[in-house]
Amino acid sequence: MTQGATTSPVPLAAVVLAGGASRRMGRDKATLVVDGSTLVEHVVTTVGRRCSQVFVIAAPGQPLPELEAHVLRDEVRGVGPLLATGRGLRAAAEAGCEWAFVCAVDMPYLTMDFVDDLAVPAARLGVDVVLPWDGRDHYLAGVYRTSLAGHISALVAAGERSMRALVDTVDTQRIVMPEQRALTNANTPADLPVTR
């Protein structure tokens, strides 16, 4: 269930949010097959090359393939990514990880070089969150301090549901990046890689 050893100086877990509604895609993104594997398998394999622990947060009853990851289930469906992020960060903290890369399941071009572009500044600057910024925030492609799980619980208890509520209330550093494929979200079938 644990992943390969990390080679970067920054130890890191991964939290993959797989339980979204996928309204624009018209079906569950996690189990879409691209190049012979599902998106969730692809993302788990990619982050597993870099991260010591991988946690997949899935919806209640959501079918998933066998994964080299810890699969955690949301208690309720449709409450947004903040609650799921908190669940993943808490699990990563309990596994002894100080930092976690939090991403959506629909990132077919994700690379570990991209992740390290965020993880290294996170550790060096000592902030709570590091996000890529290319004209907008990418909340579900960022590095988060796992100790934020308690803060997220308090936000959710106060009725918050958005990731913005989290990053606006903690020490967040944005890393300016050019537009790049690693940040592509597959929201519609046209966004998916062409299968060979």
N, C-alpha and C. Protein backbone atom coordinates (compact mmCIF):
# COMPACT_ATOMS: atom_id res chain seq x y z
N MET A 1 0.81 -1.21 0.00
CA MET A 1 0.00 0.00 0.00
C MET A 1 0.85 1.27 0.00
N THR A 2 2.10 1.20 0.46
CA THR A 2 2.93 2.39 0.43
C THR A 2 3.61 2.50 -0.91
N GLN A 3 4.06 3.70 -1.23
CA GLN A 3 4.62 3.97 -2.54
C GLN A 3 6.13 3.92 -2.49
N GLY A 4 6.76 4.16 -3.63
CA GLY A 4 8.20 4.13 -3.75
C GLY A 4 8.87 5.22 -2.94
N ALA A 5 10.15 5.03 -2.70
CA ALA A 5 10.90 5.99 -1.89
C ALA A 5 11.02 7.32 -2.62
N THR A 6 11.02 8.38 -1.85
CA THR A 6 11.15 9.70 -2.45
C THR A 6 12.62 10.00 -2.70
N THR A 7 12.90 10.66 -3.81
CA THR A 7 14.27 11.02 -4.14
C THR A 7 14.52 12.51 -3.94
N SER A 8 13.47 13.29 -3.79
CA SER A 8 13.61 14.72 -3.57
C SER A 8 13.90 14.98 -2.10
N PRO A 9 14.55 16.10 -1.77
CA PRO A 9 14.81 16.41 -0.37
C PRO A 9 13.55 16.72 0.45
N VAL A 10 12.42 16.89 -0.19
CA VAL A 10 11.19 17.24 0.53
C VAL A 10 10.28 16.02 0.60
N PRO A 11 10.15 15.37 1.79
CA PRO A 11 9.23 14.24 1.90
C PRO A 11 7.80 14.72 1.66
N LEU A 12 7.04 13.91 1.00
CA LEU A 12 5.73 14.35 0.53
C LEU A 12 4.76 13.18 0.44
N ALA A 13 3.52 13.43 0.87
CA ALA A 13 2.42 12.50 0.59
C ALA A 13 1.63 13.07 -0.59
N ALA A 14 0.69 12.30 -1.09
CA ALA A 14 -0.21 12.79 -2.13
C ALA A 14 -1.64 12.52 -1.71
N VAL A 15 -2.51 13.48 -2.02
CA VAL A 15 -3.95 13.33 -1.80
C VAL A 15 -4.62 13.55 -3.15
N VAL A 16 -5.25 12.51 -3.66
CA VAL A 16 -5.89 12.55 -4.98
C VAL A 16 -7.40 12.59 -4.76
N LEU A 17 -8.04 13.67 -5.19
CA LEU A 17 -9.49 13.81 -5.02
C LEU A 17 -10.18 13.20 -6.22
N ALA A 18 -10.86 12.09 -5.99
CA ALA A 18 -11.46 11.31 -7.09
C ALA A 18 -12.97 11.30 -7.08
N GLY A 19 -13.60 11.94 -6.09
CA GLY A 19 -15.04 11.78 -5.92
C GLY A 19 -15.91 12.88 -6.48
N GLY A 20 -15.37 13.71 -7.39
CA GLY A 20 -16.15 14.82 -7.94
C GLY A 20 -17.33 14.37 -8.79
N ALA A 21 -18.23 15.28 -9.06
CA ALA A 21 -19.47 14.94 -9.77
C ALA A 21 -19.26 14.71 -11.25
N SER A 22 -18.21 15.26 -11.86
CA SER A 22 -17.90 15.06 -13.28
C SER A 22 -19.06 15.46 -14.19
N ARG A 23 -19.74 16.56 -13.88
CA ARG A 23 -20.93 16.95 -14.65
C ARG A 23 -20.60 17.24 -16.12
N ARG A 24 -19.51 17.99 -16.36
CA ARG A 24 -19.19 18.35 -17.74
C ARG A 24 -18.71 17.15 -18.55
N MET A 25 -18.06 16.19 -17.90
CA MET A 25 -17.61 15.00 -18.61
C MET A 25 -18.77 14.07 -18.91
N GLY A 26 -19.79 14.10 -18.05
CA GLY A 26 -20.96 13.25 -18.29
C GLY A 26 -20.83 11.85 -17.72
N ARG A 27 -19.72 11.53 -17.10
CA ARG A 27 -19.51 10.24 -16.43
C ARG A 27 -18.35 10.39 -15.47
N ASP A 28 -18.16 9.39 -14.63
CA ASP A 28 -17.10 9.44 -13.62
C ASP A 28 -15.73 9.55 -14.29
N LYS A 29 -15.01 10.65 -14.00
CA LYS A 29 -13.69 10.84 -14.61
C LYS A 29 -12.68 9.80 -14.13
N ALA A 30 -12.78 9.42 -12.88
CA ALA A 30 -11.75 8.55 -12.29
C ALA A 30 -11.58 7.25 -13.08
N THR A 31 -12.66 6.74 -13.65
CA THR A 31 -12.59 5.44 -14.32
C THR A 31 -12.55 5.56 -15.85
N LEU A 32 -12.38 6.77 -16.37
CA LEU A 32 -12.17 6.92 -17.81
C LEU A 32 -10.85 6.25 -18.18
N VAL A 33 -10.85 5.50 -19.26
CA VAL A 33 -9.64 4.81 -19.70
C VAL A 33 -8.93 5.64 -20.76
N VAL A 34 -7.65 5.92 -20.49
CA VAL A 34 -6.79 6.65 -21.42
C VAL A 34 -5.49 5.88 -21.54
N ASP A 35 -5.15 5.51 -22.75
CA ASP A 35 -3.89 4.79 -23.00
C ASP A 35 -3.78 3.52 -22.16
N GLY A 36 -4.89 2.81 -22.01
CA GLY A 36 -4.86 1.51 -21.36
C GLY A 36 -5.02 1.51 -19.85
N SER A 37 -5.13 2.68 -19.22
CA SER A 37 -5.37 2.70 -17.77
C SER A 37 -6.38 3.78 -17.45
N THR A 38 -7.01 3.65 -16.30
CA THR A 38 -7.98 4.67 -15.89
C THR A 38 -7.23 5.92 -15.44
N LEU A 39 -7.94 7.05 -15.43
CA LEU A 39 -7.32 8.28 -14.97
C LEU A 39 -6.83 8.16 -13.52
N VAL A 40 -7.61 7.51 -12.68
CA VAL A 40 -7.19 7.39 -11.28
C VAL A 40 -5.94 6.53 -11.18
N GLU A 41 -5.85 5.46 -11.96
CA GLU A 41 -4.62 4.65 -11.95
C GLU A 41 -3.43 5.46 -12.44
N HIS A 42 -3.65 6.23 -13.49
CA HIS A 42 -2.57 7.03 -14.06
C HIS A 42 -2.05 8.06 -13.05
N VAL A 43 -2.96 8.79 -12.40
CA VAL A 43 -2.54 9.82 -11.45
C VAL A 43 -1.88 9.17 -10.23
N VAL A 44 -2.44 8.09 -9.73
CA VAL A 44 -1.84 7.40 -8.58
C VAL A 44 -0.44 6.90 -8.91
N THR A 45 -0.26 6.34 -10.09
CA THR A 45 1.06 5.87 -10.51
C THR A 45 2.04 7.03 -10.61
N THR A 46 1.59 8.14 -11.18
CA THR A 46 2.46 9.30 -11.35
C THR A 46 2.91 9.86 -10.01
N VAL A 47 1.98 10.12 -9.11
CA VAL A 47 2.38 10.69 -7.81
C VAL A 47 3.09 9.65 -6.94
N GLY A 48 2.78 8.38 -7.16
CA GLY A 48 3.42 7.32 -6.39
C GLY A 48 4.91 7.21 -6.65
N ARG A 49 5.36 7.71 -7.80
CA ARG A 49 6.80 7.71 -8.10
C ARG A 49 7.55 8.72 -7.24
N ARG A 50 6.83 9.67 -6.68
CA ARG A 50 7.46 10.77 -5.94
C ARG A 50 7.07 10.81 -4.45
N CYS A 51 5.87 10.34 -4.16
CA CYS A 51 5.30 10.52 -2.83
C CYS A 51 5.34 9.22 -2.04
N SER A 52 5.66 9.33 -0.75
CA SER A 52 5.82 8.14 0.09
C SER A 52 4.49 7.46 0.42
N GLN A 53 3.42 8.23 0.45
CA GLN A 53 2.07 7.71 0.72
C GLN A 53 1.11 8.37 -0.25
N VAL A 54 0.17 7.60 -0.78
CA VAL A 54 -0.85 8.17 -1.66
C VAL A 54 -2.23 7.84 -1.08
N PHE A 55 -3.05 8.87 -0.91
CA PHE A 55 -4.40 8.72 -0.38
C PHE A 55 -5.38 9.17 -1.46
N VAL A 56 -6.30 8.29 -1.82
CA VAL A 56 -7.34 8.61 -2.80
C VAL A 56 -8.63 8.83 -2.03
N ILE A 57 -9.24 10.00 -2.22
CA ILE A 57 -10.51 10.30 -1.56
C ILE A 57 -11.62 10.09 -2.58
N ALA A 58 -12.47 9.12 -2.32
CA ALA A 58 -13.51 8.72 -3.26
C ALA A 58 -14.89 8.98 -2.67
N ALA A 59 -15.88 9.03 -3.55
CA ALA A 59 -17.26 9.23 -3.11
C ALA A 59 -17.81 7.93 -2.52
N PRO A 60 -18.86 8.02 -1.71
CA PRO A 60 -19.48 6.81 -1.17
C PRO A 60 -19.96 5.92 -2.32
N GLY A 61 -19.56 4.66 -2.30
CA GLY A 61 -20.02 3.72 -3.31
C GLY A 61 -19.39 3.87 -4.69
N GLN A 62 -18.47 4.81 -4.86
CA GLN A 62 -17.84 5.02 -6.16
C GLN A 62 -16.96 3.82 -6.52
N PRO A 63 -17.22 3.17 -7.67
CA PRO A 63 -16.38 2.04 -8.05
C PRO A 63 -15.01 2.51 -8.52
N LEU A 64 -13.97 1.85 -8.02
CA LEU A 64 -12.60 2.16 -8.42
C LEU A 64 -11.86 0.87 -8.71
N PRO A 65 -10.87 0.91 -9.58
CA PRO A 65 -10.03 -0.27 -9.78
C PRO A 65 -9.13 -0.49 -8.57
N GLU A 66 -8.45 -1.64 -8.53
CA GLU A 66 -7.44 -1.87 -7.49
C GLU A 66 -6.34 -0.83 -7.65
N LEU A 67 -5.95 -0.20 -6.55
CA LEU A 67 -4.97 0.87 -6.61
C LEU A 67 -3.85 0.64 -5.60
N GLU A 68 -2.64 1.09 -5.95
CA GLU A 68 -1.52 1.11 -5.02
C GLU A 68 -1.62 2.39 -4.20
N ALA A 69 -2.65 2.46 -3.39
CA ALA A 69 -2.94 3.67 -2.62
C ALA A 69 -3.88 3.31 -1.49
N HIS A 70 -4.00 4.22 -0.53
CA HIS A 70 -4.99 4.10 0.54
C HIS A 70 -6.26 4.79 0.04
N VAL A 71 -7.36 4.07 -0.05
CA VAL A 71 -8.62 4.64 -0.52
C VAL A 71 -9.48 4.98 0.69
N LEU A 72 -9.85 6.27 0.79
CA LEU A 72 -10.73 6.74 1.85
C LEU A 72 -12.02 7.22 1.22
N ARG A 73 -13.14 6.98 1.87
CA ARG A 73 -14.44 7.35 1.33
C ARG A 73 -15.01 8.58 2.03
N ASP A 74 -15.50 9.54 1.22
CA ASP A 74 -16.26 10.65 1.80
C ASP A 74 -17.48 10.07 2.50
N GLU A 75 -17.90 10.70 3.61
CA GLU A 75 -19.12 10.25 4.28
C GLU A 75 -20.37 10.66 3.50
N VAL A 76 -20.29 11.82 2.86
CA VAL A 76 -21.43 12.33 2.09
C VAL A 76 -20.94 12.77 0.72
N ARG A 77 -21.85 12.78 -0.23
CA ARG A 77 -21.51 13.15 -1.59
C ARG A 77 -21.90 14.60 -1.85
N GLY A 78 -21.13 15.27 -2.70
CA GLY A 78 -21.52 16.58 -3.21
C GLY A 78 -21.26 17.76 -2.31
N VAL A 79 -20.27 17.67 -1.39
CA VAL A 79 -20.00 18.81 -0.52
C VAL A 79 -18.75 19.57 -0.94
N GLY A 80 -18.15 19.22 -2.06
CA GLY A 80 -17.00 19.96 -2.58
C GLY A 80 -15.67 19.43 -2.09
N PRO A 81 -14.60 20.03 -2.62
CA PRO A 81 -13.26 19.48 -2.36
C PRO A 81 -12.67 19.83 -0.99
N LEU A 82 -13.18 20.83 -0.30
CA LEU A 82 -12.56 21.23 0.96
C LEU A 82 -12.60 20.12 2.00
N LEU A 83 -13.76 19.52 2.19
CA LEU A 83 -13.90 18.45 3.17
C LEU A 83 -13.01 17.26 2.81
N ALA A 84 -12.99 16.90 1.52
CA ALA A 84 -12.15 15.78 1.07
C ALA A 84 -10.67 16.09 1.26
N THR A 85 -10.27 17.33 1.01
CA THR A 85 -8.89 17.73 1.22
C THR A 85 -8.51 17.57 2.69
N GLY A 86 -9.38 18.02 3.58
CA GLY A 86 -9.12 17.87 5.01
C GLY A 86 -8.97 16.42 5.42
N ARG A 87 -9.81 15.57 4.85
CA ARG A 87 -9.73 14.13 5.16
C ARG A 87 -8.38 13.56 4.73
N GLY A 88 -7.95 13.94 3.53
CA GLY A 88 -6.67 13.45 3.03
C GLY A 88 -5.49 13.99 3.81
N LEU A 89 -5.53 15.28 4.15
CA LEU A 89 -4.43 15.87 4.92
C LEU A 89 -4.34 15.24 6.31
N ARG A 90 -5.47 14.95 6.91
CA ARG A 90 -5.45 14.30 8.24
C ARG A 90 -4.80 12.92 8.14
N ALA A 91 -5.17 12.16 7.11
CA ALA A 91 -4.58 10.82 6.92
C ALA A 91 -3.08 10.92 6.67
N ALA A 92 -2.67 11.90 5.88
CA ALA A 92 -1.24 12.09 5.59
C ALA A 92 -0.48 12.48 6.86
N ALA A 93 -1.09 13.34 7.68
CA ALA A 93 -0.45 13.73 8.94
C ALA A 93 -0.30 12.53 9.86
N GLU A 94 -1.34 11.69 9.93
CA GLU A 94 -1.28 10.49 10.77
C GLU A 94 -0.23 9.52 10.28
N ALA A 95 0.10 9.57 8.98
CA ALA A 95 1.14 8.72 8.40
C ALA A 95 2.53 9.33 8.59
N GLY A 96 2.61 10.49 9.25
CA GLY A 96 3.89 11.09 9.56
C GLY A 96 4.42 12.07 8.52
N CYS A 97 3.56 12.49 7.59
CA CYS A 97 3.99 13.41 6.53
C CYS A 97 3.63 14.85 6.90
N GLU A 98 4.57 15.76 6.73
CA GLU A 98 4.33 17.17 7.02
C GLU A 98 3.67 17.89 5.86
N TRP A 99 3.93 17.40 4.63
CA TRP A 99 3.43 18.06 3.43
C TRP A 99 2.70 17.05 2.56
N ALA A 100 1.72 17.55 1.80
CA ALA A 100 1.02 16.70 0.84
C ALA A 100 0.73 17.50 -0.42
N PHE A 101 0.93 16.84 -1.54
CA PHE A 101 0.51 17.39 -2.83
C PHE A 101 -0.94 16.98 -3.02
N VAL A 102 -1.83 17.97 -3.13
CA VAL A 102 -3.27 17.72 -3.30
C VAL A 102 -3.62 17.99 -4.76
N CYS A 103 -4.24 16.99 -5.40
CA CYS A 103 -4.58 17.17 -6.81
C CYS A 103 -5.92 16.52 -7.13
N ALA A 104 -6.48 16.96 -8.24
CA ALA A 104 -7.69 16.35 -8.78
C ALA A 104 -7.30 15.10 -9.56
N VAL A 105 -8.26 14.22 -9.73
CA VAL A 105 -8.01 12.96 -10.45
C VAL A 105 -7.92 13.16 -11.96
N ASP A 106 -8.32 14.34 -12.44
CA ASP A 106 -8.45 14.55 -13.89
C ASP A 106 -7.26 15.31 -14.49
N MET A 107 -6.04 14.94 -14.06
CA MET A 107 -4.84 15.63 -14.54
C MET A 107 -3.96 14.64 -15.32
N PRO A 108 -4.29 14.40 -16.58
CA PRO A 108 -3.58 13.36 -17.33
C PRO A 108 -2.14 13.69 -17.68
N TYR A 109 -1.74 14.96 -17.57
CA TYR A 109 -0.38 15.36 -17.97
C TYR A 109 0.50 15.71 -16.77
N LEU A 110 0.06 15.39 -15.58
CA LEU A 110 0.80 15.70 -14.37
C LEU A 110 2.18 15.05 -14.40
N THR A 111 3.20 15.80 -13.93
CA THR A 111 4.56 15.26 -13.82
C THR A 111 5.10 15.53 -12.43
N MET A 112 6.07 14.75 -12.03
CA MET A 112 6.66 14.96 -10.72
C MET A 112 7.62 16.15 -10.71
N ASP A 113 8.17 16.53 -11.85
CA ASP A 113 8.96 17.76 -11.90
C ASP A 113 8.08 18.95 -11.50
N PHE A 114 6.85 18.94 -12.00
CA PHE A 114 5.90 19.99 -11.64
C PHE A 114 5.65 20.00 -10.13
N VAL A 115 5.46 18.82 -9.54
CA VAL A 115 5.20 18.74 -8.11
C VAL A 115 6.39 19.29 -7.32
N ASP A 116 7.60 18.94 -7.73
CA ASP A 116 8.78 19.45 -7.01
C ASP A 116 8.94 20.95 -7.16
N ASP A 117 8.45 21.51 -8.27
CA ASP A 117 8.49 22.97 -8.43
C ASP A 117 7.69 23.67 -7.34
N LEU A 118 6.75 22.94 -6.72
CA LEU A 118 5.96 23.48 -5.61
C LEU A 118 6.47 23.02 -4.25
N ALA A 119 6.89 21.76 -4.16
CA ALA A 119 7.28 21.18 -2.87
C ALA A 119 8.55 21.82 -2.32
N VAL A 120 9.52 22.07 -3.18
CA VAL A 120 10.78 22.64 -2.71
C VAL A 120 10.56 24.04 -2.11
N PRO A 121 9.82 24.94 -2.79
CA PRO A 121 9.55 26.24 -2.15
C PRO A 121 8.72 26.13 -0.87
N ALA A 122 7.81 25.16 -0.81
CA ALA A 122 6.99 24.99 0.41
C ALA A 122 7.88 24.77 1.62
N ALA A 123 8.82 23.85 1.49
CA ALA A 123 9.71 23.55 2.61
C ALA A 123 10.66 24.71 2.89
N ARG A 124 11.16 25.34 1.84
CA ARG A 124 12.13 26.42 2.01
C ARG A 124 11.49 27.65 2.66
N LEU A 125 10.28 27.99 2.23
CA LEU A 125 9.63 29.21 2.71
C LEU A 125 8.88 29.01 4.02
N GLY A 126 8.54 27.75 4.34
CA GLY A 126 7.84 27.47 5.59
C GLY A 126 6.41 27.99 5.63
N VAL A 127 5.77 28.10 4.48
CA VAL A 127 4.39 28.58 4.42
C VAL A 127 3.44 27.41 4.61
N ASP A 128 2.13 27.69 4.58
CA ASP A 128 1.13 26.63 4.76
C ASP A 128 0.72 25.99 3.44
N VAL A 129 0.67 26.79 2.38
CA VAL A 129 0.20 26.32 1.08
C VAL A 129 1.07 26.94 0.00
N VAL A 130 1.40 26.15 -1.02
CA VAL A 130 2.04 26.68 -2.22
C VAL A 130 1.19 26.27 -3.42
N LEU A 131 0.74 27.30 -4.16
CA LEU A 131 -0.11 27.06 -5.33
C LEU A 131 0.57 27.55 -6.60
N PRO A 132 0.35 26.86 -7.71
CA PRO A 132 0.78 27.41 -8.99
C PRO A 132 -0.18 28.51 -9.41
N TRP A 133 0.34 29.54 -10.06
CA TRP A 133 -0.49 30.64 -10.52
C TRP A 133 -0.09 30.99 -11.94
N ASP A 134 -1.04 30.89 -12.86
CA ASP A 134 -0.80 31.23 -14.27
C ASP A 134 -1.85 32.20 -14.76
N GLY A 135 -2.25 33.09 -13.86
CA GLY A 135 -3.36 34.00 -14.12
C GLY A 135 -4.56 33.63 -13.28
N ARG A 136 -4.52 32.44 -12.70
CA ARG A 136 -5.56 32.02 -11.75
C ARG A 136 -4.97 31.00 -10.79
N ASP A 137 -5.63 30.82 -9.65
CA ASP A 137 -5.20 29.83 -8.67
C ASP A 137 -5.61 28.43 -9.12
N HIS A 138 -4.74 27.48 -8.86
CA HIS A 138 -5.05 26.06 -9.10
C HIS A 138 -5.04 25.37 -7.73
N TYR A 139 -6.20 25.41 -7.07
CA TYR A 139 -6.30 24.89 -5.71
C TYR A 139 -6.02 23.39 -5.64
N LEU A 140 -6.42 22.66 -6.70
CA LEU A 140 -6.27 21.21 -6.69
C LEU A 140 -5.05 20.79 -7.50
N ALA A 141 -3.97 21.51 -7.29
CA ALA A 141 -2.65 21.15 -7.84
C ALA A 141 -1.61 21.87 -6.99
N GLY A 142 -1.77 21.77 -5.67
CA GLY A 142 -0.92 22.52 -4.76
C GLY A 142 -0.34 21.66 -3.66
N VAL A 143 0.64 22.23 -2.97
CA VAL A 143 1.27 21.56 -1.82
C VAL A 143 0.73 22.21 -0.55
N TYR A 144 0.23 21.37 0.35
CA TYR A 144 -0.42 21.83 1.58
C TYR A 144 0.26 21.21 2.80
N ARG A 145 0.39 22.00 3.84
CA ARG A 145 0.88 21.48 5.12
C ARG A 145 -0.22 20.59 5.71
N THR A 146 0.13 19.39 6.14
CA THR A 146 -0.90 18.45 6.60
C THR A 146 -1.55 18.89 7.90
N SER A 147 -0.88 19.74 8.67
CA SER A 147 -1.47 20.23 9.92
C SER A 147 -2.67 21.15 9.69
N LEU A 148 -2.95 21.49 8.43
CA LEU A 148 -4.13 22.31 8.12
C LEU A 148 -5.44 21.55 8.28
N ALA A 149 -5.38 20.24 8.50
CA ALA A 149 -6.61 19.44 8.61
C ALA A 149 -7.54 19.99 9.68
N GLY A 150 -7.01 20.40 10.82
CA GLY A 150 -7.85 20.95 11.89
C GLY A 150 -8.49 22.27 11.50
N HIS A 151 -7.74 23.12 10.82
CA HIS A 151 -8.28 24.39 10.35
C HIS A 151 -9.40 24.15 9.34
N ILE A 152 -9.21 23.17 8.48
CA ILE A 152 -10.25 22.84 7.50
C ILE A 152 -11.51 22.36 8.21
N SER A 153 -11.36 21.54 9.23
CA SER A 153 -12.53 21.07 10.00
C SER A 153 -13.31 22.24 10.57
N ALA A 154 -12.58 23.25 11.07
CA ALA A 154 -13.26 24.43 11.64
C ALA A 154 -13.96 25.22 10.55
N LEU A 155 -13.35 25.34 9.38
CA LEU A 155 -13.99 26.05 8.26
C LEU A 155 -15.27 25.34 7.83
N VAL A 156 -15.18 24.01 7.70
CA VAL A 156 -16.36 23.23 7.29
C VAL A 156 -17.46 23.35 8.32
N ALA A 157 -17.10 23.30 9.61
CA ALA A 157 -18.10 23.44 10.68
C ALA A 157 -18.77 24.80 10.63
N ALA A 158 -18.05 25.81 10.11
CA ALA A 158 -18.61 27.16 9.98
C ALA A 158 -19.40 27.34 8.69
N GLY A 159 -19.54 26.27 7.91
CA GLY A 159 -20.34 26.32 6.69
C GLY A 159 -19.55 26.58 5.41
N GLU A 160 -18.23 26.67 5.50
CA GLU A 160 -17.43 26.90 4.29
C GLU A 160 -17.32 25.61 3.48
N ARG A 161 -17.26 25.77 2.16
CA ARG A 161 -17.11 24.62 1.26
C ARG A 161 -16.03 24.82 0.21
N SER A 162 -15.52 26.06 0.07
CA SER A 162 -14.60 26.34 -1.03
C SER A 162 -13.15 26.28 -0.59
N MET A 163 -12.28 25.88 -1.51
CA MET A 163 -10.84 25.88 -1.25
C MET A 163 -10.33 27.29 -1.04
N ARG A 164 -10.96 28.27 -1.67
CA ARG A 164 -10.55 29.66 -1.49
C ARG A 164 -10.64 30.07 -0.02
N ALA A 165 -11.68 29.58 0.68
CA ALA A 165 -11.82 29.90 2.10
C ALA A 165 -10.61 29.43 2.89
N LEU A 166 -10.02 28.33 2.47
CA LEU A 166 -8.82 27.84 3.14
C LEU A 166 -7.61 28.70 2.79
N VAL A 167 -7.30 28.84 1.51
CA VAL A 167 -6.05 29.51 1.13
C VAL A 167 -6.06 30.99 1.49
N ASP A 168 -7.24 31.60 1.61
CA ASP A 168 -7.32 33.00 1.99
C ASP A 168 -7.14 33.23 3.49
N THR A 169 -7.16 32.16 4.28
CA THR A 169 -7.06 32.32 5.73
C THR A 169 -5.80 31.70 6.32
N VAL A 170 -4.87 31.27 5.44
CA VAL A 170 -3.59 30.74 5.91
C VAL A 170 -2.47 31.39 5.11
N ASP A 171 -1.24 31.07 5.46
CA ASP A 171 -0.07 31.63 4.78
C ASP A 171 0.14 30.92 3.45
N THR A 172 -0.31 31.54 2.37
CA THR A 172 -0.27 30.94 1.04
C THR A 172 0.73 31.67 0.15
N GLN A 173 1.58 30.89 -0.51
CA GLN A 173 2.53 31.42 -1.48
C GLN A 173 2.12 30.95 -2.87
N ARG A 174 2.05 31.87 -3.80
CA ARG A 174 1.74 31.52 -5.19
C ARG A 174 3.02 31.56 -6.00
N ILE A 175 3.24 30.53 -6.79
CA ILE A 175 4.41 30.44 -7.66
C ILE A 175 3.95 30.74 -9.08
N VAL A 176 4.43 31.82 -9.65
CA VAL A 176 4.03 32.21 -11.00
C VAL A 176 4.63 31.23 -11.99
N MET A 177 3.78 30.66 -12.82
CA MET A 177 4.21 29.68 -13.82
C MET A 177 3.56 30.02 -15.15
N PRO A 178 4.23 29.72 -16.24
CA PRO A 178 3.57 29.84 -17.54
C PRO A 178 2.50 28.77 -17.66
N GLU A 179 1.54 28.97 -18.55
CA GLU A 179 0.56 27.92 -18.81
C GLU A 179 1.29 26.67 -19.24
N GLN A 180 0.88 25.52 -18.70
CA GLN A 180 1.58 24.28 -19.03
C GLN A 180 0.62 23.11 -18.98
N ARG A 181 1.01 22.06 -19.71
CA ARG A 181 0.15 20.88 -19.81
C ARG A 181 -0.09 20.22 -18.46
N ALA A 182 0.89 20.27 -17.56
CA ALA A 182 0.75 19.59 -16.27
C ALA A 182 -0.48 20.07 -15.51
N LEU A 183 -0.92 21.30 -15.76
CA LEU A 183 -2.08 21.86 -15.06
C LEU A 183 -3.40 21.61 -15.79
N THR A 184 -3.37 20.89 -16.89
CA THR A 184 -4.59 20.64 -17.66
C THR A 184 -5.53 19.73 -16.89
N ASN A 185 -6.77 20.17 -16.75
CA ASN A 185 -7.83 19.32 -16.20
C ASN A 185 -8.68 18.79 -17.34
N ALA A 186 -8.95 17.51 -17.32
CA ALA A 186 -9.79 16.89 -18.35
C ALA A 186 -11.25 17.04 -17.93
N ASN A 187 -11.85 18.16 -18.34
CA ASN A 187 -13.24 18.43 -17.95
C ASN A 187 -14.25 17.90 -18.96
N THR A 188 -13.83 17.77 -20.22
CA THR A 188 -14.70 17.24 -21.26
C THR A 188 -13.91 16.19 -22.05
N PRO A 189 -14.58 15.36 -22.82
CA PRO A 189 -13.85 14.36 -23.62
C PRO A 189 -12.77 14.96 -24.52
N ALA A 190 -12.97 16.19 -25.00
CA ALA A 190 -11.98 16.83 -25.87
C ALA A 190 -10.68 17.14 -25.14
N ASP A 191 -10.70 17.20 -23.81
CA ASP A 191 -9.50 17.49 -23.03
C ASP A 191 -8.61 16.28 -22.80
N LEU A 192 -9.11 15.10 -23.13
CA LEU A 192 -8.37 13.87 -22.87
C LEU A 192 -7.30 13.64 -23.91
N PRO A 193 -6.18 13.02 -23.53
CA PRO A 193 -5.16 12.69 -24.51
C PRO A 193 -5.72 11.75 -25.58
N VAL A 194 -5.20 11.86 -26.77
CA VAL A 194 -5.60 10.95 -27.84
C VAL A 194 -5.01 9.58 -27.53
N THR A 195 -5.87 8.56 -27.52
CA THR A 195 -5.41 7.21 -27.22
C THR A 195 -4.70 6.62 -28.41
N ARG A 196 -3.52 6.05 -28.11
CA ARG A 196 -2.74 5.41 -29.18
C ARG A 196 -3.26 4.04 -29.47
